[in-house]
Each structure stands twice: as structure tokens, then as C-alpha cells.
C-alpha atoms as a PDB file:
ATOM      1  CA  UNK A   1       8.567 -19.608   0.312  1.00  0.00           C
ATOM      2  CA  UNK A   2       7.812 -21.049  -3.113  1.00  0.00           C
ATOM      3  CA  UNK A   3       8.740 -19.424  -6.403  1.00  0.00           C
ATOM      4  CA  UNK A   4       6.151 -19.201  -9.099  1.00  0.00           C
ATOM      5  CA  UNK A   5       6.077 -18.028 -12.742  1.00  0.00           C
ATOM      6  CA  UNK A   6       3.400 -15.662 -13.972  1.00  0.00           C
ATOM      7  CA  UNK A   7       2.472 -14.489 -17.459  1.00  0.00           C
ATOM      8  CA  UNK A   8       1.503 -10.902 -17.749  1.00  0.00           C
ATOM      9  CA  UNK A   9       0.846  -8.338 -20.427  1.00  0.00           C
ATOM     10  CA  UNK A  10       3.936  -6.119 -20.937  1.00  0.00           C
ATOM     11  CA  UNK A  11       2.003  -2.910 -20.375  1.00  0.00           C
ATOM     12  CA  UNK A  12       0.577  -4.096 -17.125  1.00  0.00           C
ATOM     13  CA  UNK A  13       4.022  -5.397 -16.107  1.00  0.00           C
ATOM     14  CA  UNK A  14       5.644  -1.956 -16.861  1.00  0.00           C
ATOM     15  CA  UNK A  15       2.868  -0.112 -14.963  1.00  0.00           C
ATOM     16  CA  UNK A  16       3.218  -2.448 -11.997  1.00  0.00           C
ATOM     17  CA  UNK A  17       7.002  -1.968 -11.841  1.00  0.00           C
ATOM     18  CA  UNK A  18       6.505   1.712 -12.041  1.00  0.00           C
ATOM     19  CA  UNK A  19       3.989   1.672  -9.289  1.00  0.00           C
ATOM     20  CA  UNK A  20       6.227  -0.461  -7.056  1.00  0.00           C
ATOM     21  CA  UNK A  21       9.281   1.892  -7.836  1.00  0.00           C
ATOM     22  CA  UNK A  22       7.182   5.003  -6.722  1.00  0.00           C
ATOM     23  CA  UNK A  23       6.183   3.241  -3.515  1.00  0.00           C
ATOM     24  CA  UNK A  24       9.791   2.009  -2.764  1.00  0.00           C
ATOM     25  CA  UNK A  25       8.972  -1.668  -2.892  1.00  0.00           C
ATOM     26  CA  UNK A  26       9.877  -4.440  -5.334  1.00  0.00           C
ATOM     27  CA  UNK A  27       7.399  -5.697  -7.837  1.00  0.00           C
ATOM     28  CA  UNK A  28       7.617  -9.064  -6.168  1.00  0.00           C
ATOM     29  CA  UNK A  29       6.518  -7.472  -2.833  1.00  0.00           C
ATOM     30  CA  UNK A  30       3.662  -5.654  -4.611  1.00  0.00           C
ATOM     31  CA  UNK A  31       2.298  -8.837  -6.207  1.00  0.00           C
ATOM     32  CA  UNK A  32       2.734 -10.804  -2.991  1.00  0.00           C
ATOM     33  CA  UNK A  33       0.805  -8.099  -1.042  1.00  0.00           C
ATOM     34  CA  UNK A  34      -1.979  -7.893  -3.573  1.00  0.00           C
ATOM     35  CA  UNK A  35      -2.442 -11.713  -3.613  1.00  0.00           C
ATOM     36  CA  UNK A  36      -2.369 -11.765   0.235  1.00  0.00           C
ATOM     37  CA  UNK A  37      -5.001  -9.086   0.406  1.00  0.00           C
ATOM     38  CA  UNK A  38      -7.244 -10.910  -2.122  1.00  0.00           C
ATOM     39  CA  UNK A  39      -7.116 -14.241  -0.455  1.00  0.00           C
ATOM     40  CA  UNK A  40      -6.356 -13.644   3.253  1.00  0.00           C
ATOM     41  CA  UNK A  41      -8.212 -10.453   3.896  1.00  0.00           C
ATOM     42  CA  UNK A  42     -10.352 -10.288   6.910  1.00  0.00           C
ATOM     43  CA  UNK A  43     -12.911  -7.627   7.885  1.00  0.00           C
ATOM     44  CA  UNK A  44     -10.343  -6.034  10.176  1.00  0.00           C
ATOM     45  CA  UNK A  45      -7.210  -6.227   7.969  1.00  0.00           C
ATOM     46  CA  UNK A  46      -8.003  -2.800   6.451  1.00  0.00           C
ATOM     47  CA  UNK A  47      -7.203  -1.256   9.740  1.00  0.00           C
ATOM     48  CA  UNK A  48      -3.815  -2.932   9.988  1.00  0.00           C
ATOM     49  CA  UNK A  49      -3.104  -2.050   6.335  1.00  0.00           C
ATOM     50  CA  UNK A  50      -3.961   1.579   7.006  1.00  0.00           C
ATOM     51  CA  UNK A  51      -1.601   1.848  10.074  1.00  0.00           C
ATOM     52  CA  UNK A  52       1.182   0.103   8.130  1.00  0.00           C
ATOM     53  CA  UNK A  53       0.783   2.588   5.321  1.00  0.00           C
ATOM     54  CA  UNK A  54       0.879   5.439   7.864  1.00  0.00           C
ATOM     55  CA  UNK A  55       4.082   3.996   9.323  1.00  0.00           C
ATOM     56  CA  UNK A  56       5.798   4.048   5.920  1.00  0.00           C
ATOM     57  CA  UNK A  57       5.039   7.707   5.374  1.00  0.00           C
ATOM     58  CA  UNK A  58       7.252   8.956   8.085  1.00  0.00           C
ATOM     59  CA  UNK A  59       4.995  12.052   8.505  1.00  0.00           C
ATOM     60  CA  UNK A  60       4.868  13.963  11.676  1.00  0.00           C
ATOM     61  CA  UNK A  61       1.992  16.000  13.188  1.00  0.00           C
ATOM     62  CA  UNK A  62       4.086  17.129  16.041  1.00  0.00           C
ATOM     63  CA  UNK A  63       3.247  20.786  16.992  1.00  0.00           C
ATOM     64  CA  UNK A  64       0.368  20.808  14.534  1.00  0.00           C
ATOM     65  CA  UNK A  65      -2.995  22.027  15.872  1.00  0.00           C
ATOM     66  CA  UNK A  66      -6.220  21.778  13.826  1.00  0.00           C
ATOM     67  CA  UNK A  67      -9.426  23.720  14.350  1.00  0.00           C
ATOM     68  CA  UNK A  68     -12.749  21.994  14.458  1.00  0.00           C
ATOM     69  CA  UNK A  69     -13.623  23.467  11.111  1.00  0.00           C
ATOM     70  CA  UNK A  70     -10.403  22.053   9.468  1.00  0.00           C
ATOM     71  CA  UNK A  71     -11.028  18.596  10.862  1.00  0.00           C
ATOM     72  CA  UNK A  72     -14.546  18.505   9.356  1.00  0.00           C
ATOM     73  CA  UNK A  73     -13.674  20.181   6.066  1.00  0.00           C
ATOM     74  CA  UNK A  74     -14.562  17.971   3.112  1.00  0.00           C
END
């Protein structure tokens, strides 16, 4: 993997680092993912991204039952 140097506004950098911290990733990983999404995205990649995000949430729906009305609630 190659190392690169970027110039960025300090306000944007602070906000990016805070976003990464809240999502338990490094700023480096955040930037890498954003660039990958921008240049390597395919029409089906959104589905993989969605499932990856769901996997990181560690949420469980075990023993949860929804009614039809709840499922269609907007």
C-alpha cells in the first residue's frame, strides 16, 4: 500500500476525525473507504456496503416480532 500526503482545511480535518472516532474507525480508514467508494463503486456495491454496516452494528432481532402495520410504517 502506498502512502500519500493530503492537504485539507483544519475544520474539515477535525470534523472528519470526529466522524471516524464516532464510528470506531481511524481517519485513514475513513478516507480510504471514501476514495474507494468514489472510484471503485459498482451498481451492486451499495448492497455489500449495507450488509457490512449492518454487521458492524452488532444488533439482534432475536425474539422480535413485528406486525404488518409496523413494517409498513413510514
